Amino acid sequence: EIFILGLENRIEQILANLLDNSISFSPPNSEIIVSIIKEKSNVKMIVEDQGFGFKEKNTNKIFERFYSNRPEKFGEHSGLGLNIVRNLVEVHGGSIIASNRLSGKGAKVDINFPELLVN
């Protein structure tokens, strides 16, 4: 069993926002992988999709408030989703990193919750 000490609805919001992004950037019927891994000093939550990945060399930019790099066909978005995710992760003492998958197809978001939050 893996437990993260935190606000349940906020941890849920973190995952929901990441899944929403993955779904919106991935082709229909593609796979989105969510992994939760307990390590000695932390819990990792990893979300990987098969979408376009990130164009940005500095992926920290995607967590900025009002940042959006969606094509027009995606409709209007506030650019707040990933900023909210980062803020909620940090409130829980964690860290977040975004990268392109090693396979070259899709995005990967790694979240680490610290040892103090691991039961």
PDB file of N, CA and C in Angstrom:
ATOM      1  N   GLU A   1       0.833  -1.185   0.000  1.00  0.00           N
ATOM      2  CA  GLU A   1       0.000   0.000   0.000  1.00  0.00           C
ATOM      3  C   GLU A   1       0.871   1.240   0.000  1.00  0.00           C
ATOM      4  N   ILE A   2       0.392   2.260  -0.681  1.00  0.00           N
ATOM      5  CA  ILE A   2       1.100   3.532  -0.725  1.00  0.00           C
ATOM      6  C   ILE A   2       0.151   4.614  -0.245  1.00  0.00           C
ATOM      7  N   PHE A   3       0.616   5.429   0.694  1.00  0.00           N
ATOM      8  CA  PHE A   3      -0.177   6.516   1.221  1.00  0.00           C
ATOM      9  C   PHE A   3       0.581   7.825   1.050  1.00  0.00           C
ATOM     10  N   ILE A   4      -0.149   8.862   0.658  1.00  0.00           N
ATOM     11  CA  ILE A   4       0.413  10.207   0.602  1.00  0.00           C
ATOM     12  C   ILE A   4      -0.396  11.046   1.575  1.00  0.00           C
ATOM     13  N   LEU A   5       0.278  11.609   2.561  1.00  0.00           N
ATOM     14  CA  LEU A   5      -0.390  12.457   3.529  1.00  0.00           C
ATOM     15  C   LEU A   5      -0.617  13.820   2.894  1.00  0.00           C
ATOM     16  N   GLY A   6      -1.864  14.177   2.712  1.00  0.00           N
ATOM     17  CA  GLY A   6      -2.176  15.455   2.085  1.00  0.00           C
ATOM     18  C   GLY A   6      -3.668  15.636   1.967  1.00  0.00           C
ATOM     19  N   LEU A   7      -4.064  16.675   1.294  1.00  0.00           N
ATOM     20  CA  LEU A   7      -5.477  16.958   1.069  1.00  0.00           C
ATOM     21  C   LEU A   7      -5.962  16.105  -0.096  1.00  0.00           C
ATOM     22  N   GLU A   8      -6.854  15.173   0.203  1.00  0.00           N
ATOM     23  CA  GLU A   8      -7.286  14.191  -0.787  1.00  0.00           C
ATOM     24  C   GLU A   8      -7.797  14.838  -2.073  1.00  0.00           C
ATOM     25  N   ASN A   9      -8.647  15.860  -1.926  1.00  0.00           N
ATOM     26  CA  ASN A   9      -9.211  16.476  -3.132  1.00  0.00           C
ATOM     27  C   ASN A   9      -8.157  17.232  -3.939  1.00  0.00           C
ATOM     28  N   ARG A  10      -7.096  17.678  -3.302  1.00  0.00           N
ATOM     29  CA  ARG A  10      -6.033  18.384  -4.030  1.00  0.00           C
ATOM     30  C   ARG A  10      -5.116  17.396  -4.754  1.00  0.00           C
ATOM     31  N   ILE A  11      -4.835  16.262  -4.110  1.00  0.00           N
ATOM     32  CA  ILE A  11      -4.045  15.222  -4.790  1.00  0.00           C
ATOM     33  C   ILE A  11      -4.841  14.726  -5.995  1.00  0.00           C
ATOM     34  N   GLU A  12      -6.146  14.571  -5.802  1.00  0.00           N
ATOM     35  CA  GLU A  12      -7.027  14.153  -6.897  1.00  0.00           C
ATOM     36  C   GLU A  12      -7.025  15.181  -8.018  1.00  0.00           C
ATOM     37  N   GLN A  13      -7.008  16.476  -7.665  1.00  0.00           N
ATOM     38  CA  GLN A  13      -6.985  17.542  -8.671  1.00  0.00           C
ATOM     39  C   GLN A  13      -5.682  17.521  -9.466  1.00  0.00           C
ATOM     40  N   ILE A  14      -4.576  17.224  -8.801  1.00  0.00           N
ATOM     41  CA  ILE A  14      -3.286  17.113  -9.491  1.00  0.00           C
ATOM     42  C   ILE A  14      -3.392  16.062 -10.595  1.00  0.00           C
ATOM     43  N   LEU A  15      -3.871  14.881 -10.220  1.00  0.00           N
ATOM     44  CA  LEU A  15      -3.974  13.782 -11.183  1.00  0.00           C
ATOM     45  C   LEU A  15      -4.996  14.102 -12.277  1.00  0.00           C
ATOM     46  N   ALA A  16      -6.130  14.673 -11.897  1.00  0.00           N
ATOM     47  CA  ALA A  16      -7.171  15.004 -12.882  1.00  0.00           C
ATOM     48  C   ALA A  16      -6.661  16.014 -13.907  1.00  0.00           C
ATOM     49  N   ASN A  17      -5.943  17.040 -13.465  1.00  0.00           N
ATOM     50  CA  ASN A  17      -5.422  18.045 -14.394  1.00  0.00           C
ATOM     51  C   ASN A  17      -4.388  17.443 -15.343  1.00  0.00           C
ATOM     52  N   LEU A  18      -3.530  16.572 -14.809  1.00  0.00           N
ATOM     53  CA  LEU A  18      -2.522  15.931 -15.671  1.00  0.00           C
ATOM     54  C   LEU A  18      -3.178  15.006 -16.686  1.00  0.00           C
ATOM     55  N   LEU A  19      -4.181  14.252 -16.241  1.00  0.00           N
ATOM     56  CA  LEU A  19      -4.889  13.365 -17.175  1.00  0.00           C
ATOM     57  C   LEU A  19      -5.639  14.161 -18.232  1.00  0.00           C
ATOM     58  N   ASP A  20      -6.257  15.263 -17.832  1.00  0.00           N
ATOM     59  CA  ASP A  20      -6.972  16.115 -18.784  1.00  0.00           C
ATOM     60  C   ASP A  20      -6.023  16.619 -19.874  1.00  0.00           C
ATOM     61  N   ASN A  21      -4.838  17.064 -19.478  1.00  0.00           N
ATOM     62  CA  ASN A  21      -3.847  17.519 -20.457  1.00  0.00           C
ATOM     63  C   ASN A  21      -3.405  16.378 -21.366  1.00  0.00           C
ATOM     64  N   SER A  22      -3.109  15.229 -20.766  1.00  0.00           N
ATOM     65  CA  SER A  22      -2.668  14.083 -21.563  1.00  0.00           C
ATOM     66  C   SER A  22      -3.723  13.669 -22.575  1.00  0.00           C
ATOM     67  N   ILE A  23      -4.967  13.629 -22.146  1.00  0.00           N
ATOM     68  CA  ILE A  23      -6.058  13.249 -23.044  1.00  0.00           C
ATOM     69  C   ILE A  23      -6.198  14.252 -24.175  1.00  0.00           C
ATOM     70  N   SER A  24      -6.120  15.540 -23.844  1.00  0.00           N
ATOM     71  CA  SER A  24      -6.344  16.557 -24.878  1.00  0.00           C
ATOM     72  C   SER A  24      -5.215  16.626 -25.902  1.00  0.00           C
ATOM     73  N   PHE A  25      -3.995  16.207 -25.530  1.00  0.00           N
ATOM     74  CA  PHE A  25      -2.870  16.265 -26.458  1.00  0.00           C
ATOM     75  C   PHE A  25      -2.569  14.939 -27.140  1.00  0.00           C
ATOM     76  N   SER A  26      -3.274  13.881 -26.758  1.00  0.00           N
ATOM     77  CA  SER A  26      -3.001  12.554 -27.319  1.00  0.00           C
ATOM     78  C   SER A  26      -4.007  12.192 -28.399  1.00  0.00           C
ATOM     79  N   PRO A  27      -3.587  11.377 -29.356  1.00  0.00           N
ATOM     80  CA  PRO A  27      -4.521  10.905 -30.378  1.00  0.00           C
ATOM     81  C   PRO A  27      -5.619  10.045 -29.739  1.00  0.00           C
ATOM     82  N   PRO A  28      -6.780   9.956 -30.377  1.00  0.00           N
ATOM     83  CA  PRO A  28      -7.849   9.104 -29.844  1.00  0.00           C
ATOM     84  C   PRO A  28      -7.375   7.666 -29.652  1.00  0.00           C
ATOM     85  N   ASN A  29      -7.855   7.040 -28.605  1.00  0.00           N
ATOM     86  CA  ASN A  29      -7.562   5.642 -28.280  1.00  0.00           C
ATOM     87  C   ASN A  29      -6.088   5.359 -27.993  1.00  0.00           C
ATOM     88  N   SER A  30      -5.329   6.375 -27.672  1.00  0.00           N
ATOM     89  CA  SER A  30      -3.933   6.124 -27.318  1.00  0.00           C
ATOM     90  C   SER A  30      -3.828   5.850 -25.815  1.00  0.00           C
ATOM     91  N   GLU A  31      -2.701   5.311 -25.426  1.00  0.00           N
ATOM     92  CA  GLU A  31      -2.502   4.884 -24.042  1.00  0.00           C
ATOM     93  C   GLU A  31      -1.916   6.018 -23.204  1.00  0.00           C
ATOM     94  N   ILE A  32      -2.463   6.190 -21.998  1.00  0.00           N
ATOM     95  CA  ILE A  32      -1.905   7.097 -21.002  1.00  0.00           C
ATOM     96  C   ILE A  32      -1.547   6.227 -19.808  1.00  0.00           C
ATOM     97  N   ILE A  33      -0.308   6.324 -19.387  1.00  0.00           N
ATOM     98  CA  ILE A  33       0.184   5.474 -18.304  1.00  0.00           C
ATOM     99  C   ILE A  33       0.357   6.315 -17.050  1.00  0.00           C
ATOM    100  N   VAL A  34      -0.245   5.860 -15.951  1.00  0.00           N
ATOM    101  CA  VAL A  34      -0.073   6.493 -14.643  1.00  0.00           C
ATOM    102  C   VAL A  34       0.616   5.472 -13.746  1.00  0.00           C
ATOM    103  N   SER A  35       1.751   5.867 -13.198  1.00  0.00           N
ATOM    104  CA  SER A  35       2.507   4.985 -12.309  1.00  0.00           C
ATOM    105  C   SER A  35       2.666   5.658 -10.947  1.00  0.00           C
ATOM    106  N   ILE A  36       2.497   4.888  -9.906  1.00  0.00           N
ATOM    107  CA  ILE A  36       2.745   5.347  -8.539  1.00  0.00           C
ATOM    108  C   ILE A  36       3.782   4.389  -7.961  1.00  0.00           C
ATOM    109  N   ILE A  37       4.917   4.940  -7.563  1.00  0.00           N
ATOM    110  CA  ILE A  37       6.033   4.109  -7.113  1.00  0.00           C
ATOM    111  C   ILE A  37       6.510   4.595  -5.752  1.00  0.00           C
ATOM    112  N   LYS A  38       6.587   3.694  -4.793  1.00  0.00           N
ATOM    113  CA  LYS A  38       7.129   4.039  -3.484  1.00  0.00           C
ATOM    114  C   LYS A  38       8.619   3.766  -3.490  1.00  0.00           C
ATOM    115  N   GLU A  39       9.384   4.780  -3.162  1.00  0.00           N
ATOM    116  CA  GLU A  39      10.824   4.639  -3.046  1.00  0.00           C
ATOM    117  C   GLU A  39      11.205   4.846  -1.582  1.00  0.00           C
ATOM    118  N   LYS A  40      12.468   4.691  -1.262  1.00  0.00           N
ATOM    119  CA  LYS A  40      12.900   4.832   0.139  1.00  0.00           C
ATOM    120  C   LYS A  40      12.524   6.183   0.737  1.00  0.00           C
ATOM    121  N   SER A  41      12.732   7.240  -0.009  1.00  0.00           N
ATOM    122  CA  SER A  41      12.538   8.569   0.575  1.00  0.00           C
ATOM    123  C   SER A  41      11.407   9.377  -0.068  1.00  0.00           C
ATOM    124  N   ASN A  42      10.663   8.768  -0.982  1.00  0.00           N
ATOM    125  CA  ASN A  42       9.582   9.517  -1.606  1.00  0.00           C
ATOM    126  C   ASN A  42       8.585   8.605  -2.306  1.00  0.00           C
ATOM    127  N   VAL A  43       7.503   9.233  -2.759  1.00  0.00           N
ATOM    128  CA  VAL A  43       6.529   8.565  -3.624  1.00  0.00           C
ATOM    129  C   VAL A  43       6.551   9.295  -4.946  1.00  0.00           C
ATOM    130  N   LYS A  44       6.713   8.543  -6.036  1.00  0.00           N
ATOM    131  CA  LYS A  44       6.705   9.121  -7.379  1.00  0.00           C
ATOM    132  C   LYS A  44       5.355   8.870  -8.023  1.00  0.00           C
ATOM    133  N   MET A  45       4.817   9.902  -8.636  1.00  0.00           N
ATOM    134  CA  MET A  45       3.628   9.790  -9.477  1.00  0.00           C
ATOM    135  C   MET A  45       4.074  10.204 -10.870  1.00  0.00           C
ATOM    136  N   ILE A  46       3.911   9.311 -11.840  1.00  0.00           N
ATOM    137  CA  ILE A  46       4.367   9.578 -13.201  1.00  0.00           C
ATOM    138  C   ILE A  46       3.189   9.433 -14.150  1.00  0.00           C
ATOM    139  N   VAL A  47       3.003  10.440 -15.009  1.00  0.00           N
ATOM    140  CA  VAL A  47       1.961  10.395 -16.038  1.00  0.00           C
ATOM    141  C   VAL A  47       2.655  10.527 -17.386  1.00  0.00           C
ATOM    142  N   GLU A  48       2.423   9.542 -18.271  1.00  0.00           N
ATOM    143  CA  GLU A  48       3.036   9.533 -19.602  1.00  0.00           C
ATOM    144  C   GLU A  48       1.942   9.381 -20.652  1.00  0.00           C
ATOM    145  N   ASP A  49       2.067  10.148 -21.724  1.00  0.00           N
ATOM    146  CA  ASP A  49       1.083  10.035 -22.802  1.00  0.00           C
ATOM    147  C   ASP A  49       1.773   9.765 -24.132  1.00  0.00           C
ATOM    148  N   GLN A  50       0.975   9.639 -25.183  1.00  0.00           N
ATOM    149  CA  GLN A  50       1.492   9.389 -26.526  1.00  0.00           C
ATOM    150  C   GLN A  50       1.174  10.545 -27.460  1.00  0.00           C
ATOM    151  N   GLY A  51       1.121  11.737 -26.880  1.00  0.00           N
ATOM    152  CA  GLY A  51       0.801  12.926 -27.658  1.00  0.00           C
ATOM    153  C   GLY A  51       2.012  13.482 -28.393  1.00  0.00           C
ATOM    154  N   PHE A  52       2.024  14.804 -28.557  1.00  0.00           N
ATOM    155  CA  PHE A  52       3.068  15.476 -29.329  1.00  0.00           C
ATOM    156  C   PHE A  52       4.327  15.750 -28.525  1.00  0.00           C
ATOM    157  N   GLY A  53       4.245  15.650 -27.212  1.00  0.00           N
ATOM    158  CA  GLY A  53       5.385  16.005 -26.379  1.00  0.00           C
ATOM    159  C   GLY A  53       5.506  17.516 -26.270  1.00  0.00           C
ATOM    160  N   PHE A  54       6.626  17.970 -25.740  1.00  0.00           N
ATOM    161  CA  PHE A  54       6.851  19.394 -25.515  1.00  0.00           C
ATOM    162  C   PHE A  54       7.802  19.957 -26.554  1.00  0.00           C
ATOM    163  N   LYS A  55       7.451  21.104 -27.126  1.00  0.00           N
ATOM    164  CA  LYS A  55       8.335  21.789 -28.069  1.00  0.00           C
ATOM    165  C   LYS A  55       9.400  22.581 -27.317  1.00  0.00           C
ATOM    166  N   GLU A  56       9.058  22.995 -26.102  1.00  0.00           N
ATOM    167  CA  GLU A  56       9.932  23.850 -25.312  1.00  0.00           C
ATOM    168  C   GLU A  56      11.175  23.095 -24.857  1.00  0.00           C
ATOM    169  N   LYS A  57      12.327  23.737 -24.995  1.00  0.00           N
ATOM    170  CA  LYS A  57      13.552  23.145 -24.463  1.00  0.00           C
ATOM    171  C   LYS A  57      13.550  23.260 -22.941  1.00  0.00           C
ATOM    172  N   ASN A  58      13.055  24.380 -22.423  1.00  0.00           N
ATOM    173  CA  ASN A  58      12.919  24.588 -20.986  1.00  0.00           C
ATOM    174  C   ASN A  58      11.473  24.273 -20.602  1.00  0.00           C
ATOM    175  N   THR A  59      11.231  23.052 -20.186  1.00  0.00           N
ATOM    176  CA  THR A  59       9.855  22.630 -19.897  1.00  0.00           C
ATOM    177  C   THR A  59       9.286  23.275 -18.627  1.00  0.00           C
ATOM    178  N   ASN A  60      10.120  23.944 -17.830  1.00  0.00           N
ATOM    179  CA  ASN A  60       9.582  24.671 -16.674  1.00  0.00           C
ATOM    180  C   ASN A  60       8.593  25.744 -17.118  1.00  0.00           C
ATOM    181  N   LYS A  61       8.753  26.212 -18.339  1.00  0.00           N
ATOM    182  CA  LYS A  61       7.889  27.259 -18.885  1.00  0.00           C
ATOM    183  C   LYS A  61       6.416  26.827 -18.909  1.00  0.00           C
ATOM    184  N   ILE A  62       6.144  25.543 -19.097  1.00  0.00           N
ATOM    185  CA  ILE A  62       4.756  25.081 -19.202  1.00  0.00           C
ATOM    186  C   ILE A  62       3.993  25.229 -17.898  1.00  0.00           C
ATOM    187  N   PHE A  63       4.712  25.396 -16.780  1.00  0.00           N
ATOM    188  CA  PHE A  63       4.070  25.548 -15.482  1.00  0.00           C
ATOM    189  C   PHE A  63       3.790  27.010 -15.126  1.00  0.00           C
ATOM    190  N   GLU A  64       4.175  27.936 -16.009  1.00  0.00           N
ATOM    191  CA  GLU A  64       3.940  29.350 -15.748  1.00  0.00           C
ATOM    192  C   GLU A  64       2.458  29.678 -15.879  1.00  0.00           C
ATOM    193  N   ARG A  65       2.018  30.624 -15.097  1.00  0.00           N
ATOM    194  CA  ARG A  65       0.623  31.054 -15.101  1.00  0.00           C
ATOM    195  C   ARG A  65       0.252  31.621 -16.473  1.00  0.00           C
ATOM    196  N   PHE A  66      -0.877  31.198 -16.991  1.00  0.00           N
ATOM    197  CA  PHE A  66      -1.453  31.619 -18.267  1.00  0.00           C
ATOM    198  C   PHE A  66      -0.672  31.135 -19.486  1.00  0.00           C
ATOM    199  N   TYR A  67       0.318  30.260 -19.292  1.00  0.00           N
ATOM    200  CA  TYR A  67       1.054  29.740 -20.436  1.00  0.00           C
ATOM    201  C   TYR A  67       0.204  28.700 -21.163  1.00  0.00           C
ATOM    202  N   SER A  68       0.120  28.825 -22.468  1.00  0.00           N
ATOM    203  CA  SER A  68      -0.568  27.818 -23.270  1.00  0.00           C
ATOM    204  C   SER A  68       0.108  27.748 -24.626  1.00  0.00           C
ATOM    205  N   ASN A  69       0.356  26.547 -25.067  1.00  0.00           N
ATOM    206  CA  ASN A  69       0.977  26.349 -26.368  1.00  0.00           C
ATOM    207  C   ASN A  69       0.126  25.381 -27.191  1.00  0.00           C
ATOM    208  N   ARG A  70      -1.183  25.520 -27.036  1.00  0.00           N
ATOM    209  CA  ARG A  70      -2.112  24.637 -27.735  1.00  0.00           C
ATOM    210  C   ARG A  70      -2.431  25.204 -29.110  1.00  0.00           C
ATOM    211  N   PRO A  71      -2.502  24.343 -30.098  1.00  0.00           N
ATOM    212  CA  PRO A  71      -2.959  24.801 -31.411  1.00  0.00           C
ATOM    213  C   PRO A  71      -4.405  25.300 -31.316  1.00  0.00           C
ATOM    214  N   GLU A  72      -4.816  26.150 -32.239  1.00  0.00           N
ATOM    215  CA  GLU A  72      -6.162  26.726 -32.215  1.00  0.00           C
ATOM    216  C   GLU A  72      -7.253  25.670 -32.206  1.00  0.00           C
ATOM    217  N   LYS A  73      -7.010  24.523 -32.818  1.00  0.00           N
ATOM    218  CA  LYS A  73      -8.031  23.485 -32.884  1.00  0.00           C
ATOM    219  C   LYS A  73      -8.401  22.933 -31.503  1.00  0.00           C
ATOM    220  N   PHE A  74      -7.576  23.229 -30.482  1.00  0.00           N
ATOM    221  CA  PHE A  74      -7.862  22.756 -29.137  1.00  0.00           C
ATOM    222  C   PHE A  74      -8.868  23.650 -28.414  1.00  0.00           C
ATOM    223  N   GLY A  75      -9.230  24.764 -29.004  1.00  0.00           N
ATOM    224  CA  GLY A  75     -10.177  25.669 -28.355  1.00  0.00           C
ATOM    225  C   GLY A  75      -9.482  26.547 -27.331  1.00  0.00           C
ATOM    226  N   GLU A  76     -10.287  27.225 -26.534  1.00  0.00           N
ATOM    227  CA  GLU A  76      -9.740  28.157 -25.553  1.00  0.00           C
ATOM    228  C   GLU A  76      -9.446  27.456 -24.235  1.00  0.00           C
ATOM    229  N   HIS A  77      -8.290  27.772 -23.685  1.00  0.00           N
ATOM    230  CA  HIS A  77      -7.887  27.260 -22.382  1.00  0.00           C
ATOM    231  C   HIS A  77      -7.245  28.402 -21.629  1.00  0.00           C
ATOM    232  N   SER A  78      -7.380  28.370 -20.319  1.00  0.00           N
ATOM    233  CA  SER A  78      -6.889  29.479 -19.495  1.00  0.00           C
ATOM    234  C   SER A  78      -5.382  29.480 -19.325  1.00  0.00           C
ATOM    235  N   GLY A  79      -4.726  28.341 -19.527  1.00  0.00           N
ATOM    236  CA  GLY A  79      -3.292  28.267 -19.270  1.00  0.00           C
ATOM    237  C   GLY A  79      -2.988  28.185 -17.786  1.00  0.00           C
ATOM    238  N   LEU A  80      -3.967  27.773 -16.985  1.00  0.00           N
ATOM    239  CA  LEU A  80      -3.774  27.687 -15.535  1.00  0.00           C
ATOM    240  C   LEU A  80      -3.612  26.258 -15.021  1.00  0.00           C
ATOM    241  N   GLY A  81      -4.011  25.261 -15.798  1.00  0.00           N
ATOM    242  CA  GLY A  81      -4.033  23.880 -15.318  1.00  0.00           C
ATOM    243  C   GLY A  81      -2.714  23.392 -14.755  1.00  0.00           C
ATOM    244  N   LEU A  82      -1.643  23.520 -15.518  1.00  0.00           N
ATOM    245  CA  LEU A  82      -0.346  23.031 -15.054  1.00  0.00           C
ATOM    246  C   LEU A  82       0.258  23.930 -13.982  1.00  0.00           C
ATOM    247  N   ASN A  83      -0.093  25.212 -14.002  1.00  0.00           N
ATOM    248  CA  ASN A  83       0.342  26.110 -12.937  1.00  0.00           C
ATOM    249  C   ASN A  83      -0.303  25.701 -11.612  1.00  0.00           C
ATOM    250  N   ILE A  84      -1.572  25.358 -11.662  1.00  0.00           N
ATOM    251  CA  ILE A  84      -2.277  24.883 -10.468  1.00  0.00           C
ATOM    252  C   ILE A  84      -1.654  23.578  -9.980  1.00  0.00           C
ATOM    253  N   VAL A  85      -1.353  22.672 -10.905  1.00  0.00           N
ATOM    254  CA  VAL A  85      -0.714  21.407 -10.533  1.00  0.00           C
ATOM    255  C   VAL A  85       0.593  21.671  -9.800  1.00  0.00           C
ATOM    256  N   ARG A  86       1.443  22.517 -10.374  1.00  0.00           N
ATOM    257  CA  ARG A  86       2.734  22.816  -9.736  1.00  0.00           C
ATOM    258  C   ARG A  86       2.539  23.398  -8.339  1.00  0.00           C
ATOM    259  N   ASN A  87       1.601  24.341  -8.212  1.00  0.00           N
ATOM    260  CA  ASN A  87       1.358  24.961  -6.910  1.00  0.00           C
ATOM    261  C   ASN A  87       0.877  23.934  -5.883  1.00  0.00           C
ATOM    262  N   LEU A  88      -0.021  23.047  -6.294  1.00  0.00           N
ATOM    263  CA  LEU A  88      -0.530  22.028  -5.370  1.00  0.00           C
ATOM    264  C   LEU A  88       0.562  21.029  -4.979  1.00  0.00           C
ATOM    265  N   VAL A  89       1.409  20.658  -5.924  1.00  0.00           N
ATOM    266  CA  VAL A  89       2.520  19.754  -5.619  1.00  0.00           C
ATOM    267  C   VAL A  89       3.452  20.419  -4.601  1.00  0.00           C
ATOM    268  N   GLU A  90       3.771  21.684  -4.825  1.00  0.00           N
ATOM    269  CA  GLU A  90       4.681  22.394  -3.924  1.00  0.00           C
ATOM    270  C   GLU A  90       4.075  22.593  -2.539  1.00  0.00           C
ATOM    271  N   VAL A  91       2.759  22.838  -2.459  1.00  0.00           N
ATOM    272  CA  VAL A  91       2.080  22.970  -1.170  1.00  0.00           C
ATOM    273  C   VAL A  91       2.210  21.675  -0.369  1.00  0.00           C
ATOM    274  N   HIS A  92       2.261  20.549  -1.068  1.00  0.00           N
ATOM    275  CA  HIS A  92       2.424  19.251  -0.422  1.00  0.00           C
ATOM    276  C   HIS A  92       3.904  18.887  -0.233  1.00  0.00           C
ATOM    277  N   GLY A  93       4.797  19.842  -0.451  1.00  0.00           N
ATOM    278  CA  GLY A  93       6.227  19.618  -0.234  1.00  0.00           C
ATOM    279  C   GLY A  93       6.913  18.854  -1.343  1.00  0.00           C
ATOM    280  N   GLY A  94       6.247  18.712  -2.487  1.00  0.00           N
ATOM    281  CA  GLY A  94       6.795  17.931  -3.581  1.00  0.00           C
ATOM    282  C   GLY A  94       7.460  18.763  -4.658  1.00  0.00           C
ATOM    283  N   SER A  95       7.902  18.067  -5.696  1.00  0.00           N
ATOM    284  CA  SER A  95       8.498  18.721  -6.860  1.00  0.00           C
ATOM    285  C   SER A  95       7.926  18.074  -8.118  1.00  0.00           C
ATOM    286  N   ILE A  96       7.971  18.823  -9.213  1.00  0.00           N
ATOM    287  CA  ILE A  96       7.412  18.345 -10.473  1.00  0.00           C
ATOM    288  C   ILE A  96       8.363  18.669 -11.613  1.00  0.00           C
ATOM    289  N   ILE A  97       8.506  17.727 -12.533  1.00  0.00           N
ATOM    290  CA  ILE A  97       9.372  17.895 -13.702  1.00  0.00           C
ATOM    291  C   ILE A  97       8.627  17.362 -14.929  1.00  0.00           C
ATOM    292  N   ALA A  98       8.687  18.102 -16.017  1.00  0.00           N
ATOM    293  CA  ALA A  98       8.084  17.660 -17.279  1.00  0.00           C
ATOM    294  C   ALA A  98       9.192  17.406 -18.285  1.00  0.00           C
ATOM    295  N   SER A  99       8.994  16.376 -19.112  1.00  0.00           N
ATOM    296  CA  SER A  99       9.983  16.054 -20.141  1.00  0.00           C
ATOM    297  C   SER A  99       9.296  15.316 -21.279  1.00  0.00           C
ATOM    298  N   ASN A 100      10.021  15.143 -22.360  1.00  0.00           N
ATOM    299  CA  ASN A 100       9.550  14.292 -23.443  1.00  0.00           C
ATOM    300  C   ASN A 100       9.933  12.856 -23.126  1.00  0.00           C
ATOM    301  N   ARG A 101       9.085  11.927 -23.526  1.00  0.00           N
ATOM    302  CA  ARG A 101       9.379  10.515 -23.289  1.00  0.00           C
ATOM    303  C   ARG A 101      10.616  10.106 -24.078  1.00  0.00           C
ATOM    304  N   LEU A 102      11.366   9.190 -23.544  1.00  0.00           N
ATOM    305  CA  LEU A 102      12.583   8.721 -24.208  1.00  0.00           C
ATOM    306  C   LEU A 102      12.283   8.077 -25.551  1.00  0.00           C
ATOM    307  N   SER A 103      11.069   7.543 -25.693  1.00  0.00           N
ATOM    308  CA  SER A 103      10.681   6.921 -26.961  1.00  0.00           C
ATOM    309  C   SER A 103      10.545   7.955 -28.074  1.00  0.00           C
ATOM    310  N   GLY A 104      10.547   9.243 -27.688  1.00  0.00           N
ATOM    311  CA  GLY A 104      10.424  10.301 -28.683  1.00  0.00           C
ATOM    312  C   GLY A 104       8.986  10.651 -29.006  1.00  0.00           C
ATOM    313  N   LYS A 105       8.044   9.958 -28.417  1.00  0.00           N
ATOM    314  CA  LYS A 105       6.640  10.237 -28.698  1.00  0.00           C
ATOM    315  C   LYS A 105       5.892  10.423 -27.384  1.00  0.00           C
ATOM    316  N   GLY A 106       5.461  11.655 -27.140  1.00  0.00           N
ATOM    317  CA  GLY A 106       4.660  11.902 -25.958  1.00  0.00           C
ATOM    318  C   GLY A 106       5.378  12.670 -24.869  1.00  0.00           C
ATOM    319  N   ALA A 107       4.591  13.020 -23.859  1.00  0.00           N
ATOM    320  CA  ALA A 107       5.074  13.789 -22.724  1.00  0.00           C
ATOM    321  C   ALA A 107       5.123  12.913 -21.484  1.00  0.00           C
ATOM    322  N   LYS A 108       5.957  13.331 -20.542  1.00  0.00           N
ATOM    323  CA  LYS A 108       6.086  12.640 -19.266  1.00  0.00           C
ATOM    324  C   LYS A 108       6.163  13.687 -18.164  1.00  0.00           C
ATOM    325  N   VAL A 109       5.356  13.498 -17.123  1.00  0.00           N
ATOM    326  CA  VAL A 109       5.388  14.398 -15.970  1.00  0.00           C
ATOM    327  C   VAL A 109       5.688  13.548 -14.741  1.00  0.00           C
ATOM    328  N   ASP A 110       6.765  13.912 -14.036  1.00  0.00           N
ATOM    329  CA  ASP A 110       7.188  13.215 -12.819  1.00  0.00           C
ATOM    330  C   ASP A 110       6.932  14.110 -11.615  1.00  0.00           C
ATOM    331  N   ILE A 111       6.255  13.560 -10.627  1.00  0.00           N
ATOM    332  CA  ILE A 111       6.016  14.261  -9.378  1.00  0.00           C
ATOM    333  C   ILE A 111       6.653  13.448  -8.260  1.00  0.00           C
ATOM    334  N   ASN A 112       7.358  14.119  -7.380  1.00  0.00           N
ATOM    335  CA  ASN A 112       7.942  13.474  -6.208  1.00  0.00           C
ATOM    336  C   ASN A 112       7.348  14.096  -4.964  1.00  0.00           C
ATOM    337  N   PHE A 113       6.745  13.259  -4.108  1.00  0.00           N
ATOM    338  CA  PHE A 113       6.276  13.695  -2.811  1.00  0.00           C
ATOM    339  C   PHE A 113       7.331  13.233  -1.806  1.00  0.00           C
ATOM    340  N   PRO A 114       7.747  14.111  -0.878  1.00  0.00           N
ATOM    341  CA  PRO A 114       8.868  13.792   0.011  1.00  0.00           C
ATOM    342  C   PRO A 114       8.543  12.750   1.079  1.00  0.00           C
ATOM    343  N   GLU A 115       9.611  12.269   1.705  1.00  0.00           N
ATOM    344  CA  GLU A 115       9.523  11.222   2.710  1.00  0.00           C
ATOM    345  C   GLU A 115       8.553  11.571   3.825  1.00  0.00           C
ATOM    346  N   LEU A 116       8.495  12.799   4.238  1.00  0.00           N
ATOM    347  CA  LEU A 116       7.609  13.199   5.343  1.00  0.00           C
ATOM    348  C   LEU A 116       6.138  12.924   5.023  1.00  0.00           C
ATOM    349  N   LEU A 117       5.809  12.823   3.747  1.00  0.00           N
ATOM    350  CA  LEU A 117       4.439  12.598   3.353  1.00  0.00           C
ATOM    351  C   LEU A 117       4.164  11.144   3.045  1.00  0.00           C
ATOM    352  N   VAL A 118       5.148  10.274   3.219  1.00  0.00           N
ATOM    353  CA  VAL A 118       4.987   8.873   2.901  1.00  0.00           C
ATOM    354  C   VAL A 118       4.703   8.093   4.171  1.00  0.00           C
ATOM    355  N   ASN A 119       3.643   7.285   4.189  1.00  0.00           N
ATOM    356  CA  ASN A 119       3.344   6.429   5.340  1.00  0.00           C
ATOM    357  C   ASN A 119       3.944   5.067   5.112  1.00  0.00           C
TER     358      ASN A 119
END
